[in-house]
């Protein structure tokens, strides 16, 4: 408290660093206190008179100095809970002097003052030191900036953890700090070194997980968590496969196994796919497949992944012919053909046949690759035949029109 020995009328002091809101004497108010302890909030002066501004609002900085010197906890006028541990008046004085000497200018405001004091504490005591932590938290307590967060403190390690164990290390651990670890239930902590900044975790069941470290400082009276470090525990189960599900004949598609943490050179992949598709290429966690010239089978594209922990089961996605959009609405058999071809409406044949399907008519045309017309006729029903014995060997296009859409099928004639 400032000038507590010269006050009249039972006022406690002229100004209070400890509790500006309720201790001290302010002439323009009839009750004791009425000085701000939180920036731009209760009792903060927002007028134009610089002399009034500098004297009244100075208690925000005074209260900051009190908190960082002797410590304190509570809830400020913004409703923010804070906890500041004492760094001692000697350290607080050195930081204040360093900030004013090297960082303050004539235009320094509260926000810039916060940056200057944190920078000064880092200069004198090091980044992430107790002094930096509590200088930052004291500014948070008076409503300027956020609470302290660890900077440059990271966890390094592998994203895959097997039963044999994997090592994780906290990097840039602040001086005089120790580490405690938190993890998901599918991991087991096997061991850690004396200060805990290196630990070994093992898998006890398959699935996603995470670890994080708490940085503990007895001298600071604080504990700060690092960000979560995500891992996969054990073999890869139910691997997610991405790629085209509705496919066309004679087309090229690529499918990718989305393994947690991305592909690693030590991973291998075993794929299954519909029986009449064929493997064009396989690279890392992708496979490129080509559908047959006619009527690709539906089914599934699945993968089994082997990582350092073992081999997973098969999982993947269901694929099917896109009859409506690829010209695969109809099937053609045989192909190649020599005497006659049979065309089937695949939608009608795979669903319960309706009367309107049997009575529906189609215009069928056969053209060569130069668009010359070799056959034109009307057919009805969900299955019908076309004679082709008078056509020469070669490649043709069979066009089927239902009056709204035209579907193209490739035909090879070979006598």
Protein backbone atom coordinates (compact mmCIF):
# COMPACT_ATOMS: atom_id res chain seq x y z
CA UNK A 1 0.00 0.00 0.00
CA UNK A 2 1.25 3.52 -0.85
CA UNK A 3 1.11 6.37 1.74
CA UNK A 4 -0.83 4.36 4.28
CA UNK A 5 0.75 6.38 7.16
CA UNK A 6 -0.41 9.85 6.09
CA UNK A 7 -4.07 9.25 5.29
CA UNK A 8 -6.93 10.98 7.17
CA UNK A 9 -10.51 9.96 7.80
CA UNK A 10 -9.66 6.27 8.17
CA UNK A 11 -8.71 5.78 4.51
CA UNK A 12 -6.34 2.83 4.28
CA UNK A 13 -3.86 4.35 1.82
CA UNK A 14 -3.47 6.67 -1.11
CA UNK A 15 -3.17 3.81 -3.59
CA UNK A 16 -3.03 0.04 -3.29
CA UNK A 17 -0.97 -2.29 -5.43
CA UNK A 18 -2.55 -5.24 -3.67
CA UNK A 19 -6.23 -4.46 -4.21
CA UNK A 20 -6.85 -1.23 -6.15
CA UNK A 21 -10.60 -1.89 -6.40
CA UNK A 22 -11.26 -1.60 -2.65
CA UNK A 23 -8.21 0.06 -1.05
CA UNK A 24 -6.99 3.64 -1.56
CA UNK A 25 -8.38 7.15 -1.90
CA UNK A 26 -9.87 8.60 -5.08
CA UNK A 27 -11.17 12.17 -4.76
CA UNK A 28 -13.90 11.86 -7.42
CA UNK A 29 -15.52 8.92 -5.59
CA UNK A 30 -17.02 8.92 -2.11
CA UNK A 31 -16.04 5.37 -1.23
CA UNK A 32 -12.62 3.88 -0.64
CA UNK A 33 -10.75 2.28 -3.51
CA UNK A 34 -12.30 2.67 -6.96
CA UNK A 35 -9.05 2.19 -8.87
CA UNK A 36 -8.83 -0.37 -11.70
CA UNK A 37 -7.01 -3.67 -11.37
CA UNK A 38 -8.10 -4.92 -14.82
CA UNK A 39 -7.33 -3.17 -18.10
CA UNK A 40 -10.27 -1.30 -19.66
CA UNK A 41 -12.77 -2.56 -17.09
CA UNK A 42 -14.19 -1.58 -13.67
CA UNK A 43 -13.01 1.92 -12.57
CA UNK A 44 -10.80 2.22 -15.68
CA UNK A 45 -10.67 5.87 -16.87
CA UNK A 46 -11.63 6.38 -20.55
CA UNK A 47 -11.72 10.17 -20.61
CA UNK A 48 -9.52 12.71 -22.39
CA UNK A 49 -7.56 14.15 -19.45
CA UNK A 50 -4.08 12.63 -19.71
CA UNK A 51 -3.13 13.60 -16.15
CA UNK A 52 -6.18 11.82 -14.76
CA UNK A 53 -5.62 8.90 -17.12
CA UNK A 54 -2.00 8.34 -16.10
CA UNK A 55 -2.68 8.49 -12.37
CA UNK A 56 -5.85 6.42 -12.21
CA UNK A 57 -5.04 3.74 -14.75
CA UNK A 58 -1.50 3.25 -13.45
CA UNK A 59 -2.89 0.85 -10.85
CA UNK A 60 -3.33 -1.78 -13.59
CA UNK A 61 0.44 -1.88 -13.96
CA UNK A 62 0.90 -1.52 -10.19
CA UNK A 63 -1.30 -4.55 -9.58
CA UNK A 64 0.64 -6.49 -12.23
CA UNK A 65 3.88 -5.72 -10.36
CA UNK A 66 2.34 -6.80 -7.06
CA UNK A 67 1.15 -10.13 -8.48
CA UNK A 68 4.40 -11.02 -10.21
CA UNK A 69 6.40 -10.07 -7.09
CA UNK A 70 4.40 -11.84 -4.35
CA UNK A 71 1.95 -14.02 -6.30
CA UNK A 72 -1.81 -14.32 -6.15
CA UNK A 73 -4.83 -16.14 -7.56
CA UNK A 74 -8.44 -15.29 -8.17
CA UNK A 75 -10.88 -14.10 -10.82
CA UNK A 76 -10.43 -10.71 -12.50
CA UNK A 77 -13.14 -8.28 -13.60
CA UNK A 78 -13.36 -10.07 -16.97
CA UNK A 79 -14.29 -13.30 -15.23
CA UNK A 80 -10.93 -14.94 -16.05
CA UNK A 81 -9.44 -17.17 -13.37
CA UNK A 82 -5.71 -16.70 -12.87
CA UNK A 83 -2.89 -18.12 -10.78
CA UNK A 84 0.44 -16.31 -10.48
CA UNK A 85 3.38 -17.64 -8.48
CA UNK A 86 5.85 -15.23 -6.87
CA UNK A 87 9.17 -14.62 -8.62
CA UNK A 88 10.27 -12.19 -5.89
CA UNK A 89 10.52 -8.41 -5.92
CA UNK A 90 14.19 -8.48 -6.96
CA UNK A 91 13.48 -10.46 -10.13
CA UNK A 92 10.36 -8.41 -10.85
CA UNK A 93 12.38 -5.19 -10.50
CA UNK A 94 15.11 -6.45 -12.84
CA UNK A 95 12.52 -7.39 -15.48
CA UNK A 96 10.74 -4.03 -15.19
CA UNK A 97 14.04 -2.15 -15.56
CA UNK A 98 15.12 -4.30 -18.56
CA UNK A 99 11.78 -3.67 -20.28
CA UNK A 100 11.82 0.10 -19.73
CA UNK A 101 15.49 0.42 -20.64
CA UNK A 102 15.43 -1.54 -23.91
CA UNK A 103 11.82 -1.93 -25.12
CA UNK A 104 9.61 0.94 -23.96
CA UNK A 105 9.01 3.96 -26.21
CA UNK A 106 6.89 7.09 -25.90
CA UNK A 107 3.98 5.26 -27.57
CA UNK A 108 4.08 2.00 -25.62
CA UNK A 109 0.56 0.97 -24.61
CA UNK A 110 -0.58 -1.86 -22.34
CA UNK A 111 -0.39 -4.50 -25.08
CA UNK A 112 3.13 -3.45 -26.09
CA UNK A 113 4.14 -3.24 -22.43
CA UNK A 114 3.12 -6.88 -22.01
CA UNK A 115 5.31 -7.88 -24.96
CA UNK A 116 8.20 -5.82 -23.59
CA UNK A 117 8.04 -7.39 -20.12
CA UNK A 118 7.84 -10.94 -21.50
CA UNK A 119 10.78 -10.22 -23.80
CA UNK A 120 12.75 -8.76 -20.89
CA UNK A 121 12.03 -11.83 -18.73
CA UNK A 122 13.21 -14.09 -21.60
CA UNK A 123 16.41 -12.01 -21.93
CA UNK A 124 17.25 -12.35 -18.25
CA UNK A 125 15.97 -15.84 -17.35
CA UNK A 126 15.37 -17.75 -20.58
CA UNK A 127 12.40 -18.79 -22.67
CA UNK A 128 9.77 -20.83 -20.79
CA UNK A 129 11.45 -19.96 -17.48
CA UNK A 130 9.42 -19.54 -14.29
CA UNK A 131 9.88 -15.79 -14.59
CA UNK A 132 8.47 -15.74 -18.13
CA UNK A 133 5.57 -17.97 -17.09
CA UNK A 134 4.52 -15.76 -14.20
CA UNK A 135 5.16 -12.44 -15.95
CA UNK A 136 2.78 -13.66 -18.66
CA UNK A 137 0.18 -14.95 -16.20
CA UNK A 138 0.29 -11.69 -14.23
CA UNK A 139 -0.55 -9.77 -17.41
CA UNK A 140 -3.42 -12.20 -18.00
CA UNK A 141 -4.58 -11.51 -14.44
CA UNK A 142 -4.85 -7.76 -15.16
CA UNK A 143 -6.72 -8.38 -18.44
CA UNK A 144 -3.94 -7.98 -21.00
CA UNK A 145 -3.26 -10.94 -23.31
CA UNK A 146 -3.69 -14.64 -22.74
CA UNK A 147 -2.32 -16.95 -20.07
CA UNK A 148 1.07 -18.55 -20.57
CA UNK A 149 1.42 -21.29 -23.15
CA UNK A 150 4.55 -23.32 -23.75
CA UNK A 151 6.48 -22.30 -26.85
CA UNK A 152 8.78 -24.59 -28.83
CA UNK A 153 8.11 -27.50 -26.45
CA UNK A 154 7.23 -30.48 -28.65
CA UNK A 155 7.04 -34.27 -28.52
CA UNK A 156 9.00 -36.35 -31.00
CA UNK A 157 8.43 -40.04 -31.69
CA UNK A 158 6.84 -42.49 -34.10
CA UNK A 159 3.16 -42.42 -35.01
CA UNK A 160 3.04 -46.24 -34.76
CA UNK A 161 3.31 -48.03 -31.39
CA UNK A 162 3.70 -51.81 -31.19
CA UNK A 163 3.70 -54.17 -28.21
CA UNK A 164 7.51 -54.02 -28.22
CA UNK A 165 7.35 -50.32 -27.37
CA UNK A 166 8.22 -46.94 -28.90
CA UNK A 167 10.22 -44.03 -27.46
CA UNK A 168 8.89 -40.47 -27.13
CA UNK A 169 10.87 -37.41 -26.08
CA UNK A 170 9.94 -33.91 -24.91
CA UNK A 171 12.07 -31.37 -26.76
CA UNK A 172 13.15 -27.97 -25.36
CA UNK A 173 12.17 -28.82 -21.80
CA UNK A 174 12.48 -25.65 -19.66
CA UNK A 175 15.17 -25.63 -16.94
CA UNK A 176 14.37 -27.25 -13.58
CA UNK A 177 11.19 -28.88 -14.94
CA UNK A 178 10.06 -32.49 -14.90
CA UNK A 179 7.61 -34.33 -17.10
CA UNK A 180 4.60 -36.51 -16.37
CA UNK A 181 2.72 -38.30 -19.12
CA UNK A 182 -0.92 -38.86 -20.04
CA UNK A 183 -2.13 -41.44 -22.59
CA UNK A 184 -5.11 -43.32 -23.98
CA UNK A 185 -6.11 -46.68 -22.53
CA UNK A 186 -4.69 -48.73 -25.44
CA UNK A 187 -1.14 -47.71 -24.48
CA UNK A 188 1.03 -48.76 -21.55
CA UNK A 189 3.88 -46.70 -20.07
CA UNK A 190 6.86 -49.04 -19.82
CA UNK A 191 9.55 -46.69 -18.53
CA UNK A 192 10.82 -43.11 -18.35
CA UNK A 193 14.12 -41.47 -17.43
CA UNK A 194 14.86 -39.52 -14.25
CA UNK A 195 13.12 -36.26 -15.19
CA UNK A 196 10.56 -38.01 -17.36
CA UNK A 197 11.29 -36.18 -20.61
CA UNK A 198 11.91 -39.50 -22.42
CA UNK A 199 9.42 -42.34 -22.06
CA UNK A 200 8.67 -45.68 -23.71
CA UNK A 201 5.05 -46.67 -24.47
CA UNK A 202 3.77 -50.03 -25.70
CA UNK A 203 0.57 -51.07 -27.46
CA UNK A 204 -1.93 -53.23 -25.59
CA UNK A 205 -4.78 -53.09 -28.16
CA UNK A 206 -5.32 -51.95 -31.73
CA UNK A 207 -6.71 -48.53 -32.55
CA UNK A 208 -6.08 -44.79 -32.56
CA UNK A 209 -4.56 -43.17 -29.49
CA UNK A 210 -2.59 -40.22 -28.22
CA UNK A 211 -0.04 -39.19 -25.64
CA UNK A 212 0.79 -35.81 -24.17
CA UNK A 213 3.24 -34.52 -21.59
CA UNK A 214 2.69 -32.25 -18.61
CA UNK A 215 5.58 -29.91 -17.89
CA UNK A 216 5.85 -29.55 -14.12
CA UNK A 217 7.85 -26.90 -12.30
CA UNK A 218 7.91 -27.03 -8.52
CA UNK A 219 9.66 -23.66 -8.35
CA UNK A 220 7.00 -22.09 -10.58
CA UNK A 221 4.11 -23.92 -8.98
CA UNK A 222 2.75 -24.69 -12.44
CA UNK A 223 1.98 -27.60 -14.76
CA UNK A 224 1.39 -27.13 -18.49
CA UNK A 225 0.26 -29.78 -21.02
CA UNK A 226 1.79 -30.10 -24.45
CA UNK A 227 -0.48 -30.57 -27.49
CA UNK A 228 -1.75 -34.10 -28.08
CA UNK A 229 0.60 -36.38 -30.08
CA UNK A 230 -1.61 -38.75 -32.08
CA UNK A 231 -0.48 -42.34 -32.65
CA UNK A 232 -1.80 -45.66 -33.91
CA UNK A 233 -1.55 -48.59 -31.54
CA UNK A 234 -0.95 -52.05 -33.03
CA UNK A 235 -2.02 -53.33 -36.45
CA UNK A 236 -4.22 -51.29 -38.76
CA UNK A 237 -7.81 -52.46 -38.45
CA UNK A 238 -10.69 -51.39 -40.75
CA UNK A 239 -8.41 -49.43 -43.07
CA UNK A 240 -10.33 -46.72 -44.90
CA UNK A 241 -10.11 -47.03 -48.71
CA UNK A 242 -10.89 -44.10 -51.00
CA UNK A 243 -11.66 -44.22 -54.73
CA UNK A 244 -14.46 -44.42 -57.28
CA UNK A 245 -17.41 -46.60 -56.29
CA UNK A 246 -19.61 -46.31 -59.42
CA UNK A 247 -17.48 -47.58 -62.31
CA UNK A 248 -17.70 -47.84 -66.08
CA UNK A 249 -16.44 -50.54 -68.45
CA UNK A 250 -12.93 -50.27 -69.89
CA UNK A 251 -11.91 -47.58 -67.39
CA UNK A 252 -8.94 -46.86 -65.12
CA UNK A 253 -9.41 -46.19 -61.38
CA UNK A 254 -7.02 -45.61 -58.48
CA UNK A 255 -7.76 -46.67 -54.90
CA UNK A 256 -5.84 -45.56 -51.81
CA UNK A 257 -5.45 -47.17 -48.39
CA UNK A 258 -5.69 -44.30 -45.90
CA UNK A 259 -3.41 -45.64 -43.18
CA UNK A 260 -3.04 -43.54 -40.00
CA UNK A 261 -0.05 -41.25 -40.16
CA UNK A 262 0.43 -41.88 -43.89
CA UNK A 263 2.36 -44.54 -45.79
CA UNK A 264 5.78 -45.61 -44.52
CA UNK A 265 8.37 -47.56 -46.55
CA UNK A 266 8.09 -50.49 -44.13
CA UNK A 267 4.35 -50.99 -44.80
CA UNK A 268 3.10 -53.53 -47.36
CA UNK A 269 -0.37 -53.98 -48.88
CA UNK A 270 -2.38 -56.91 -50.18
CA UNK A 271 -5.40 -56.02 -52.34
CA UNK A 272 -8.52 -57.88 -53.50
CA UNK A 273 -10.95 -56.63 -56.17
CA UNK A 274 -13.77 -57.92 -58.43
CA UNK A 275 -12.81 -61.02 -60.41
CA UNK A 276 -12.97 -59.57 -63.93
CA UNK A 277 -10.98 -56.43 -63.11
CA UNK A 278 -7.22 -56.46 -63.52
CA UNK A 279 -4.31 -54.83 -61.70
CA UNK A 280 -2.68 -52.13 -63.81
CA UNK A 281 -0.20 -50.87 -61.22
CA UNK A 282 0.46 -50.87 -57.48
CA UNK A 283 2.59 -48.24 -55.71
CA UNK A 284 2.98 -47.72 -51.96
CA UNK A 285 -0.55 -47.51 -50.51
CA UNK A 286 -2.36 -47.15 -53.87
CA UNK A 287 -3.52 -49.58 -56.52
CA UNK A 288 -4.64 -48.75 -60.07
CA UNK A 289 -7.28 -51.05 -61.54
CA UNK A 290 -8.81 -51.36 -65.00
CA UNK A 291 -12.34 -52.59 -65.51
CA UNK A 292 -13.08 -55.03 -68.39
CA UNK A 293 -14.25 -53.90 -71.79
CA UNK A 294 -17.76 -55.14 -71.03
CA UNK A 295 -19.86 -55.56 -67.91
CA UNK A 296 -17.49 -55.05 -64.95
CA UNK A 297 -18.41 -57.12 -61.93
CA UNK A 298 -19.52 -55.38 -58.77
CA UNK A 299 -18.06 -56.28 -55.41
CA UNK A 300 -15.44 -54.68 -53.19
CA UNK A 301 -11.96 -53.23 -53.38
CA UNK A 302 -10.31 -54.27 -50.13
CA UNK A 303 -6.86 -54.13 -48.60
CA UNK A 304 -4.88 -55.81 -45.85
CA UNK A 305 -1.99 -53.79 -44.43
CA UNK A 306 1.14 -55.14 -42.80
CA UNK A 307 3.03 -52.75 -40.52
CA UNK A 308 5.75 -53.36 -37.96
CA UNK A 309 3.13 -54.57 -35.47
CA UNK A 310 1.55 -57.24 -37.72
CA UNK A 311 -1.00 -57.78 -40.48
CA UNK A 312 -4.54 -56.45 -40.44
CA UNK A 313 -7.69 -58.05 -41.75
CA UNK A 314 -9.23 -56.98 -45.06
CA UNK A 315 -11.44 -53.91 -45.31
CA UNK A 316 -12.42 -51.48 -48.06
CA UNK A 317 -15.27 -50.09 -50.14
CA UNK A 318 -18.09 -51.54 -52.23
CA UNK A 319 -17.96 -50.87 -55.97
CA UNK A 320 -20.63 -51.38 -58.62
CA UNK A 321 -21.22 -50.79 -62.38
CA UNK A 322 -22.75 -47.40 -63.11
CA UNK A 323 -25.39 -48.62 -65.54
CA UNK A 324 -27.12 -45.29 -65.99
CA UNK A 325 -24.14 -43.02 -66.66
CA UNK A 326 -21.63 -45.22 -68.48
CA UNK A 327 -23.66 -46.96 -71.14
CA UNK A 328 -23.69 -50.05 -68.98
CA UNK A 329 -27.47 -50.02 -68.60
CA UNK A 330 -27.46 -52.94 -71.05
CA UNK A 331 -25.23 -55.97 -71.28
CA UNK A 332 -24.16 -57.59 -74.56
CA UNK A 333 -23.26 -61.27 -74.98
CA UNK A 334 -21.22 -62.89 -76.43
CA UNK A 335 -18.45 -60.47 -77.18
CA UNK A 336 -16.60 -61.08 -79.46
CA UNK A 337 -19.46 -62.55 -81.49
CA UNK A 338 -19.97 -64.03 -84.96
CA UNK A 339 -23.63 -64.96 -85.59
CA UNK A 340 -26.00 -63.35 -83.09
CA UNK A 341 -25.80 -61.15 -79.99
CA UNK A 342 -28.11 -61.04 -76.99
CA UNK A 343 -28.77 -57.69 -75.30
CA UNK A 344 -30.21 -57.55 -71.79
CA UNK A 345 -31.63 -54.61 -69.89
CA UNK A 346 -29.59 -55.16 -66.70
CA UNK A 347 -31.78 -53.01 -64.49
CA UNK A 348 -34.93 -54.87 -65.47
CA UNK A 349 -33.31 -58.29 -65.26
CA UNK A 350 -31.86 -57.63 -61.80
CA UNK A 351 -35.16 -56.26 -60.46
CA UNK A 352 -38.58 -57.84 -60.49
CA UNK A 353 -39.82 -57.72 -64.09
CA UNK A 354 -42.75 -55.36 -64.61
CA UNK A 355 -45.35 -55.30 -67.40
CA UNK A 356 -44.10 -51.95 -68.65
CA UNK A 357 -40.57 -53.42 -68.98
CA UNK A 358 -41.84 -56.22 -71.21
CA UNK A 359 -43.76 -53.78 -73.44
CA UNK A 360 -40.98 -51.17 -73.63
CA UNK A 361 -39.43 -50.75 -77.09
CA UNK A 362 -35.93 -49.72 -78.06
CA UNK A 363 -34.32 -48.48 -81.25
CA UNK A 364 -31.13 -50.45 -81.90
CA UNK A 365 -28.45 -49.32 -84.34
CA UNK A 366 -25.04 -50.84 -85.14
CA UNK A 367 -22.34 -48.51 -86.50
CA UNK A 368 -18.72 -49.09 -87.40
CA UNK A 369 -15.88 -46.96 -86.06
CA UNK A 370 -16.42 -44.51 -88.95
CA UNK A 371 -20.07 -44.00 -87.93
CA UNK A 372 -21.41 -45.91 -90.95
CA UNK A 373 -24.80 -47.52 -90.17
CA UNK A 374 -24.94 -51.33 -90.62
CA UNK A 375 -28.13 -52.21 -88.76
CA UNK A 376 -31.22 -50.43 -87.47
CA UNK A 377 -34.26 -52.06 -85.88
CA UNK A 378 -36.87 -51.99 -83.11
CA UNK A 379 -36.78 -54.41 -80.21
CA UNK A 380 -38.86 -54.81 -77.03
CA UNK A 381 -38.69 -56.53 -73.64
CA UNK A 382 -35.82 -56.77 -71.22
CA UNK A 383 -33.86 -59.27 -73.42
CA UNK A 384 -33.64 -59.38 -77.20
CA UNK A 385 -31.33 -60.61 -79.97
CA UNK A 386 -29.71 -59.05 -83.05
CA UNK A 387 -28.32 -61.07 -86.00
CA UNK A 388 -24.80 -60.03 -87.04
CA UNK A 389 -23.72 -62.84 -89.37
CA UNK A 390 -23.73 -60.48 -92.39
CA UNK A 391 -21.28 -58.03 -90.76
CA UNK A 392 -17.55 -58.26 -91.44
CA UNK A 393 -14.95 -58.67 -88.72
CA UNK A 394 -14.06 -55.54 -86.83
CA UNK A 395 -15.05 -53.16 -84.03
CA UNK A 396 -18.56 -51.69 -83.86
CA UNK A 397 -20.75 -49.52 -81.63
CA UNK A 398 -24.21 -50.78 -80.65
CA UNK A 399 -26.50 -47.82 -79.90
CA UNK A 400 -29.66 -48.43 -77.88
CA UNK A 401 -32.22 -45.65 -77.48
CA UNK A 402 -35.23 -45.74 -75.16
CA UNK A 403 -36.54 -42.45 -76.58
CA UNK A 404 -34.87 -40.38 -73.87
CA UNK A 405 -31.34 -41.72 -73.51
CA UNK A 406 -28.83 -43.33 -75.86
CA UNK A 407 -26.57 -46.09 -74.51
CA UNK A 408 -23.42 -47.17 -76.37
CA UNK A 409 -21.92 -50.65 -76.15
CA UNK A 410 -18.69 -51.77 -77.80
CA UNK A 411 -18.98 -54.87 -80.03
CA UNK A 412 -16.24 -56.99 -81.58
CA UNK A 413 -17.23 -59.19 -84.51
CA UNK A 414 -14.94 -62.11 -85.30
CA UNK A 415 -16.07 -64.96 -87.56
